[in-house]
């Protein structure tokens, strides 16, 4: 298959085209071509680490005044599934992923998890084909120019940070439960608990449900050792 159009979009030409082919091969496609195709799962594993190193180094160099906890939160906002899904639109990644017939028919081409995994697999493919400098140049092309101005928002989005931590273990599930609300309509106070597999890991209150959820996530992060 000719991926030259995709190479133009990402601004990188592969010496080993097979690496790119593998990076774009979802497991459903590989299973339908068992004797000739590997899925992108192994590349996704490597790409996750390369992405983390590049982003971590960038933040370490550009935000020298920030402590480790704040750097961790900013990184989480840049490497989470939502961010990678948004980055992928810039290169029309969904159009080029190779899917099995069942996955294709069920809307897999727009599924955030599939696209985010493929995004990381492409990073690994570039790393293996052109080295760390090529991978770094590629990844940094997606980092927002206004990252500094948006930093405060990222640092205060405790729910996103908590989700990024928890989703490292796919079997874990986070849920926010409204436990109480009191006060008159114009001055309501909401109390929310955040649950991890039915266990309470944080409680928060606020003037809105969203604020209470953020405070519950903040408490959970603090209990995990992440400081504000």
C-alpha atoms as a PDB file:
ATOM      1  CA  UNK A   1       0.000   0.000   0.000  1.00  0.00           C
ATOM      2  CA  UNK A   2       1.197   3.507  -0.866  1.00  0.00           C
ATOM      3  CA  UNK A   3       1.329   5.777   2.185  1.00  0.00           C
ATOM      4  CA  UNK A   4       3.053   8.686   0.455  1.00  0.00           C
ATOM      5  CA  UNK A   5       0.064  10.985   1.099  1.00  0.00           C
ATOM      6  CA  UNK A   6       0.327  10.266   4.811  1.00  0.00           C
ATOM      7  CA  UNK A   7       4.082  10.835   4.770  1.00  0.00           C
ATOM      8  CA  UNK A   8       3.474  14.280   3.286  1.00  0.00           C
ATOM      9  CA  UNK A   9       0.978  15.075   6.044  1.00  0.00           C
ATOM     10  CA  UNK A  10       3.372  14.080   8.827  1.00  0.00           C
ATOM     11  CA  UNK A  11       6.396  15.655   7.168  1.00  0.00           C
ATOM     12  CA  UNK A  12       8.507  12.522   7.374  1.00  0.00           C
ATOM     13  CA  UNK A  13       9.523  10.028   4.673  1.00  0.00           C
ATOM     14  CA  UNK A  14      10.287   6.520   5.859  1.00  0.00           C
ATOM     15  CA  UNK A  15      13.335   4.634   4.715  1.00  0.00           C
ATOM     16  CA  UNK A  16      11.668   1.417   5.926  1.00  0.00           C
ATOM     17  CA  UNK A  17       8.073   1.583   4.665  1.00  0.00           C
ATOM     18  CA  UNK A  18       7.227  -1.602   6.522  1.00  0.00           C
ATOM     19  CA  UNK A  19       7.527   0.223   9.843  1.00  0.00           C
ATOM     20  CA  UNK A  20       4.859   2.697   8.794  1.00  0.00           C
ATOM     21  CA  UNK A  21       2.658  -0.093   7.476  1.00  0.00           C
ATOM     22  CA  UNK A  22       2.885  -1.857  10.828  1.00  0.00           C
ATOM     23  CA  UNK A  23       2.228   1.349  12.768  1.00  0.00           C
ATOM     24  CA  UNK A  24      -1.049   1.814  10.898  1.00  0.00           C
ATOM     25  CA  UNK A  25      -2.167  -1.829  11.190  1.00  0.00           C
ATOM     26  CA  UNK A  26      -4.817  -2.274  13.879  1.00  0.00           C
ATOM     27  CA  UNK A  27      -5.043  -5.706  15.540  1.00  0.00           C
ATOM     28  CA  UNK A  28      -8.363  -6.402  13.766  1.00  0.00           C
ATOM     29  CA  UNK A  29      -6.634  -5.943  10.400  1.00  0.00           C
ATOM     30  CA  UNK A  30      -3.610  -7.987  11.444  1.00  0.00           C
ATOM     31  CA  UNK A  31      -5.848 -10.849  12.552  1.00  0.00           C
ATOM     32  CA  UNK A  32      -7.378 -10.991   9.083  1.00  0.00           C
ATOM     33  CA  UNK A  33      -3.872 -11.165   7.563  1.00  0.00           C
ATOM     34  CA  UNK A  34      -2.247 -13.487  10.088  1.00  0.00           C
ATOM     35  CA  UNK A  35       0.611 -14.692   7.936  1.00  0.00           C
ATOM     36  CA  UNK A  36       1.638 -11.344   6.493  1.00  0.00           C
ATOM     37  CA  UNK A  37       0.816  -8.643   9.026  1.00  0.00           C
ATOM     38  CA  UNK A  38       1.785  -7.610  12.546  1.00  0.00           C
ATOM     39  CA  UNK A  39      -0.471  -5.285  14.529  1.00  0.00           C
ATOM     40  CA  UNK A  40       0.703  -1.919  15.845  1.00  0.00           C
ATOM     41  CA  UNK A  41       0.406  -2.955  19.509  1.00  0.00           C
ATOM     42  CA  UNK A  42       4.141  -3.429  20.094  1.00  0.00           C
ATOM     43  CA  UNK A  43       4.938  -0.137  18.384  1.00  0.00           C
ATOM     44  CA  UNK A  44       2.267   1.576  20.473  1.00  0.00           C
ATOM     45  CA  UNK A  45       4.011   0.282  23.599  1.00  0.00           C
ATOM     46  CA  UNK A  46       7.316   1.800  22.493  1.00  0.00           C
ATOM     47  CA  UNK A  47       5.737   4.995  21.201  1.00  0.00           C
ATOM     48  CA  UNK A  48       4.136   5.662  24.572  1.00  0.00           C
ATOM     49  CA  UNK A  49       7.597   5.767  26.160  1.00  0.00           C
ATOM     50  CA  UNK A  50       9.164   7.875  23.400  1.00  0.00           C
ATOM     51  CA  UNK A  51       6.289  10.354  23.644  1.00  0.00           C
ATOM     52  CA  UNK A  52       6.693  10.590  27.416  1.00  0.00           C
ATOM     53  CA  UNK A  53      10.446  11.176  27.165  1.00  0.00           C
ATOM     54  CA  UNK A  54      10.127  13.894  24.508  1.00  0.00           C
ATOM     55  CA  UNK A  55       7.344  15.743  26.319  1.00  0.00           C
ATOM     56  CA  UNK A  56       9.056  15.375  29.702  1.00  0.00           C
ATOM     57  CA  UNK A  57      12.333  16.751  28.361  1.00  0.00           C
ATOM     58  CA  UNK A  58      10.536  19.657  26.673  1.00  0.00           C
ATOM     59  CA  UNK A  59       8.691  20.620  29.853  1.00  0.00           C
ATOM     60  CA  UNK A  60      11.819  20.172  31.976  1.00  0.00           C
ATOM     61  CA  UNK A  61      13.721  22.584  29.710  1.00  0.00           C
ATOM     62  CA  UNK A  62      10.981  25.191  29.240  1.00  0.00           C
ATOM     63  CA  UNK A  63       9.406  25.330  32.710  1.00  0.00           C
ATOM     64  CA  UNK A  64      12.466  25.437  34.944  1.00  0.00           C
ATOM     65  CA  UNK A  65      10.570  27.209  37.720  1.00  0.00           C
ATOM     66  CA  UNK A  66       7.972  24.462  38.149  1.00  0.00           C
ATOM     67  CA  UNK A  67       8.203  21.591  40.667  1.00  0.00           C
ATOM     68  CA  UNK A  68       7.883  17.941  39.709  1.00  0.00           C
ATOM     69  CA  UNK A  69       4.200  17.716  40.614  1.00  0.00           C
ATOM     70  CA  UNK A  70       3.203  20.540  38.275  1.00  0.00           C
ATOM     71  CA  UNK A  71       5.325  19.154  35.441  1.00  0.00           C
ATOM     72  CA  UNK A  72       3.589  15.796  35.870  1.00  0.00           C
ATOM     73  CA  UNK A  73       0.173  17.413  35.549  1.00  0.00           C
ATOM     74  CA  UNK A  74       1.074  19.342  32.405  1.00  0.00           C
ATOM     75  CA  UNK A  75       2.567  16.219  30.837  1.00  0.00           C
ATOM     76  CA  UNK A  76      -0.587  14.267  31.651  1.00  0.00           C
ATOM     77  CA  UNK A  77      -2.675  16.846  29.769  1.00  0.00           C
ATOM     78  CA  UNK A  78      -0.459  16.426  26.679  1.00  0.00           C
ATOM     79  CA  UNK A  79      -0.148  12.640  26.485  1.00  0.00           C
ATOM     80  CA  UNK A  80      -3.660  11.548  27.464  1.00  0.00           C
ATOM     81  CA  UNK A  81      -5.956   9.850  24.966  1.00  0.00           C
ATOM     82  CA  UNK A  82      -8.017  13.020  24.442  1.00  0.00           C
ATOM     83  CA  UNK A  83      -4.937  15.079  23.527  1.00  0.00           C
ATOM     84  CA  UNK A  84      -3.558  12.439  21.147  1.00  0.00           C
ATOM     85  CA  UNK A  85      -6.966  12.117  19.490  1.00  0.00           C
ATOM     86  CA  UNK A  86      -7.011  15.879  18.907  1.00  0.00           C
ATOM     87  CA  UNK A  87      -3.418  15.874  17.610  1.00  0.00           C
ATOM     88  CA  UNK A  88      -4.302  13.096  15.160  1.00  0.00           C
ATOM     89  CA  UNK A  89      -6.824  15.296  13.363  1.00  0.00           C
ATOM     90  CA  UNK A  90      -3.966  17.509  12.165  1.00  0.00           C
ATOM     91  CA  UNK A  91      -2.582  14.608  10.152  1.00  0.00           C
ATOM     92  CA  UNK A  92      -5.922  12.967   9.235  1.00  0.00           C
ATOM     93  CA  UNK A  93      -4.677   9.795  10.894  1.00  0.00           C
ATOM     94  CA  UNK A  94      -8.076   8.092  11.014  1.00  0.00           C
ATOM     95  CA  UNK A  95      -8.212   7.926   7.217  1.00  0.00           C
ATOM     96  CA  UNK A  96      -5.032   5.855   7.000  1.00  0.00           C
ATOM     97  CA  UNK A  97      -5.473   3.275   9.763  1.00  0.00           C
ATOM     98  CA  UNK A  98      -5.858  -0.275   8.453  1.00  0.00           C
ATOM     99  CA  UNK A  99      -8.854  -1.946  10.101  1.00  0.00           C
ATOM    100  CA  UNK A 100     -10.529  -5.318   9.929  1.00  0.00           C
ATOM    101  CA  UNK A 101     -13.978  -5.439   8.341  1.00  0.00           C
ATOM    102  CA  UNK A 102     -15.816  -5.755  11.661  1.00  0.00           C
ATOM    103  CA  UNK A 103     -13.964  -2.856  13.260  1.00  0.00           C
ATOM    104  CA  UNK A 104     -14.449  -0.761  10.130  1.00  0.00           C
ATOM    105  CA  UNK A 105     -18.195  -1.371  10.124  1.00  0.00           C
ATOM    106  CA  UNK A 106     -18.544  -0.557  13.835  1.00  0.00           C
ATOM    107  CA  UNK A 107     -17.013   2.912  13.506  1.00  0.00           C
ATOM    108  CA  UNK A 108     -13.479   2.051  14.579  1.00  0.00           C
ATOM    109  CA  UNK A 109     -11.985   4.664  12.281  1.00  0.00           C
ATOM    110  CA  UNK A 110     -13.285   7.392  14.618  1.00  0.00           C
ATOM    111  CA  UNK A 111     -12.737   5.560  17.916  1.00  0.00           C
ATOM    112  CA  UNK A 112     -10.419   7.704  20.104  1.00  0.00           C
ATOM    113  CA  UNK A 113      -8.633   4.714  21.676  1.00  0.00           C
ATOM    114  CA  UNK A 114      -7.748   3.214  18.277  1.00  0.00           C
ATOM    115  CA  UNK A 115      -6.564   6.536  16.879  1.00  0.00           C
ATOM    116  CA  UNK A 116      -4.557   7.463  19.988  1.00  0.00           C
ATOM    117  CA  UNK A 117      -2.813   4.072  19.944  1.00  0.00           C
ATOM    118  CA  UNK A 118      -1.989   4.465  16.255  1.00  0.00           C
ATOM    119  CA  UNK A 119      -0.631   7.953  16.949  1.00  0.00           C
ATOM    120  CA  UNK A 120       1.812   6.482  19.473  1.00  0.00           C
ATOM    121  CA  UNK A 121       2.698   3.661  17.080  1.00  0.00           C
ATOM    122  CA  UNK A 122       3.629   6.198  14.387  1.00  0.00           C
ATOM    123  CA  UNK A 123       5.912   7.936  16.894  1.00  0.00           C
ATOM    124  CA  UNK A 124       7.674   4.623  17.545  1.00  0.00           C
ATOM    125  CA  UNK A 125       7.977   3.922  13.835  1.00  0.00           C
ATOM    126  CA  UNK A 126       9.632   7.308  13.258  1.00  0.00           C
ATOM    127  CA  UNK A 127      11.923   6.687  16.232  1.00  0.00           C
ATOM    128  CA  UNK A 128      13.036   3.303  14.883  1.00  0.00           C
ATOM    129  CA  UNK A 129      13.400   4.599  11.336  1.00  0.00           C
ATOM    130  CA  UNK A 130      15.077   7.955  11.958  1.00  0.00           C
ATOM    131  CA  UNK A 131      16.213   8.045  15.582  1.00  0.00           C
ATOM    132  CA  UNK A 132      15.300  10.151  18.593  1.00  0.00           C
ATOM    133  CA  UNK A 133      15.889  13.515  16.892  1.00  0.00           C
ATOM    134  CA  UNK A 134      13.381  12.685  14.156  1.00  0.00           C
ATOM    135  CA  UNK A 135      10.858  11.510  16.749  1.00  0.00           C
ATOM    136  CA  UNK A 136      11.432  14.617  18.857  1.00  0.00           C
ATOM    137  CA  UNK A 137      10.908  16.964  15.909  1.00  0.00           C
ATOM    138  CA  UNK A 138       7.705  15.141  15.010  1.00  0.00           C
ATOM    139  CA  UNK A 139       6.230  15.132  18.530  1.00  0.00           C
ATOM    140  CA  UNK A 140       7.099  18.744  19.300  1.00  0.00           C
ATOM    141  CA  UNK A 141       5.219  19.783  16.176  1.00  0.00           C
ATOM    142  CA  UNK A 142       2.006  19.004  18.058  1.00  0.00           C
ATOM    143  CA  UNK A 143       2.836  20.840  21.296  1.00  0.00           C
ATOM    144  CA  UNK A 144       0.711  24.025  21.443  1.00  0.00           C
ATOM    145  CA  UNK A 145       2.574  27.319  21.041  1.00  0.00           C
ATOM    146  CA  UNK A 146       0.395  28.830  23.764  1.00  0.00           C
ATOM    147  CA  UNK A 147       1.199  26.067  26.238  1.00  0.00           C
ATOM    148  CA  UNK A 148       2.480  28.599  28.768  1.00  0.00           C
ATOM    149  CA  UNK A 149      -0.749  30.595  28.683  1.00  0.00           C
ATOM    150  CA  UNK A 150      -2.833  27.448  29.075  1.00  0.00           C
ATOM    151  CA  UNK A 151      -0.647  26.059  31.852  1.00  0.00           C
ATOM    152  CA  UNK A 152      -2.871  27.190  34.717  1.00  0.00           C
ATOM    153  CA  UNK A 153      -5.869  25.469  33.143  1.00  0.00           C
ATOM    154  CA  UNK A 154      -3.932  22.229  32.796  1.00  0.00           C
ATOM    155  CA  UNK A 155      -2.711  22.391  36.384  1.00  0.00           C
ATOM    156  CA  UNK A 156      -6.231  22.793  37.713  1.00  0.00           C
ATOM    157  CA  UNK A 157      -7.875  20.067  35.647  1.00  0.00           C
ATOM    158  CA  UNK A 158      -7.521  17.448  38.351  1.00  0.00           C
ATOM    159  CA  UNK A 159     -10.041  15.092  36.748  1.00  0.00           C
ATOM    160  CA  UNK A 160      -7.965  14.814  33.571  1.00  0.00           C
ATOM    161  CA  UNK A 161      -4.786  14.184  35.560  1.00  0.00           C
ATOM    162  CA  UNK A 162      -6.477  11.505  37.662  1.00  0.00           C
ATOM    163  CA  UNK A 163      -7.946   9.843  34.577  1.00  0.00           C
ATOM    164  CA  UNK A 164      -4.539   9.786  32.885  1.00  0.00           C
ATOM    165  CA  UNK A 165      -3.052   8.013  35.902  1.00  0.00           C
ATOM    166  CA  UNK A 166      -5.872   5.498  36.274  1.00  0.00           C
ATOM    167  CA  UNK A 167      -6.123   4.598  32.577  1.00  0.00           C
ATOM    168  CA  UNK A 168      -2.627   3.098  32.708  1.00  0.00           C
ATOM    169  CA  UNK A 169      -4.483   0.075  34.114  1.00  0.00           C
ATOM    170  CA  UNK A 170      -7.369  -0.649  31.710  1.00  0.00           C
ATOM    171  CA  UNK A 171      -9.203  -2.788  34.262  1.00  0.00           C
ATOM    172  CA  UNK A 172      -9.551   0.146  36.656  1.00  0.00           C
ATOM    173  CA  UNK A 173     -12.682   2.314  36.546  1.00  0.00           C
ATOM    174  CA  UNK A 174     -13.234   5.793  37.986  1.00  0.00           C
ATOM    175  CA  UNK A 175     -16.722   7.066  38.786  1.00  0.00           C
ATOM    176  CA  UNK A 176     -17.978  10.289  40.369  1.00  0.00           C
ATOM    177  CA  UNK A 177     -20.990   9.966  42.690  1.00  0.00           C
ATOM    178  CA  UNK A 178     -23.089  12.844  44.073  1.00  0.00           C
ATOM    179  CA  UNK A 179     -23.438  12.141  47.796  1.00  0.00           C
ATOM    180  CA  UNK A 180     -25.128  15.291  49.070  1.00  0.00           C
ATOM    181  CA  UNK A 181     -26.445  18.725  48.141  1.00  0.00           C
ATOM    182  CA  UNK A 182     -27.623  21.417  50.489  1.00  0.00           C
ATOM    183  CA  UNK A 183     -28.452  25.109  50.749  1.00  0.00           C
ATOM    184  CA  UNK A 184     -30.909  27.336  48.857  1.00  0.00           C
ATOM    185  CA  UNK A 185     -31.042  27.288  45.060  1.00  0.00           C
ATOM    186  CA  UNK A 186     -28.910  30.406  44.752  1.00  0.00           C
ATOM    187  CA  UNK A 187     -26.225  29.077  47.099  1.00  0.00           C
ATOM    188  CA  UNK A 188     -26.077  25.318  46.606  1.00  0.00           C
ATOM    189  CA  UNK A 189     -23.244  23.175  47.970  1.00  0.00           C
ATOM    190  CA  UNK A 190     -22.568  19.823  46.320  1.00  0.00           C
ATOM    191  CA  UNK A 191     -20.583  16.939  47.801  1.00  0.00           C
ATOM    192  CA  UNK A 192     -19.110  14.378  45.407  1.00  0.00           C
ATOM    193  CA  UNK A 193     -17.075  11.227  45.991  1.00  0.00           C
ATOM    194  CA  UNK A 194     -14.734   9.780  43.404  1.00  0.00           C
ATOM    195  CA  UNK A 195     -14.755   5.982  43.347  1.00  0.00           C
ATOM    196  CA  UNK A 196     -12.101   3.606  42.082  1.00  0.00           C
ATOM    197  CA  UNK A 197     -13.649   0.188  41.532  1.00  0.00           C
ATOM    198  CA  UNK A 198     -16.345   1.027  44.134  1.00  0.00           C
ATOM    199  CA  UNK A 199     -13.771   2.267  46.686  1.00  0.00           C
ATOM    200  CA  UNK A 200     -13.866   5.925  47.747  1.00  0.00           C
ATOM    201  CA  UNK A 201     -10.512   7.577  46.965  1.00  0.00           C
ATOM    202  CA  UNK A 202     -11.510  11.230  47.372  1.00  0.00           C
ATOM    203  CA  UNK A 203     -14.285  13.574  48.461  1.00  0.00           C
ATOM    204  CA  UNK A 204     -14.857  17.170  47.412  1.00  0.00           C
ATOM    205  CA  UNK A 205     -17.425  19.914  47.653  1.00  0.00           C
ATOM    206  CA  UNK A 206     -18.210  22.940  45.541  1.00  0.00           C
ATOM    207  CA  UNK A 207     -20.831  25.374  44.307  1.00  0.00           C
ATOM    208  CA  UNK A 208     -21.447  23.149  41.292  1.00  0.00           C
ATOM    209  CA  UNK A 209     -21.206  19.418  40.595  1.00  0.00           C
ATOM    210  CA  UNK A 210     -18.257  20.024  38.272  1.00  0.00           C
ATOM    211  CA  UNK A 211     -16.358  21.953  40.921  1.00  0.00           C
ATOM    212  CA  UNK A 212     -17.085  19.274  43.518  1.00  0.00           C
ATOM    213  CA  UNK A 213     -15.822  16.589  41.128  1.00  0.00           C
ATOM    214  CA  UNK A 214     -12.599  18.547  40.573  1.00  0.00           C
ATOM    215  CA  UNK A 215     -12.084  18.869  44.334  1.00  0.00           C
ATOM    216  CA  UNK A 216     -12.701  15.152  44.814  1.00  0.00           C
ATOM    217  CA  UNK A 217     -10.138  14.357  42.110  1.00  0.00           C
ATOM    218  CA  UNK A 218      -7.717  16.815  43.731  1.00  0.00           C
ATOM    219  CA  UNK A 219      -8.003  15.027  47.077  1.00  0.00           C
ATOM    220  CA  UNK A 220      -7.491  11.645  45.380  1.00  0.00           C
ATOM    221  CA  UNK A 221      -4.329  12.939  43.673  1.00  0.00           C
ATOM    222  CA  UNK A 222      -2.976  14.316  46.951  1.00  0.00           C
ATOM    223  CA  UNK A 223      -3.547  10.955  48.620  1.00  0.00           C
ATOM    224  CA  UNK A 224      -1.578   9.376  45.761  1.00  0.00           C
ATOM    225  CA  UNK A 225       1.302  11.754  46.429  1.00  0.00           C
ATOM    226  CA  UNK A 226       0.651  14.370  43.750  1.00  0.00           C
ATOM    227  CA  UNK A 227       0.896  17.823  45.248  1.00  0.00           C
ATOM    228  CA  UNK A 228      -0.734  20.955  43.928  1.00  0.00           C
END
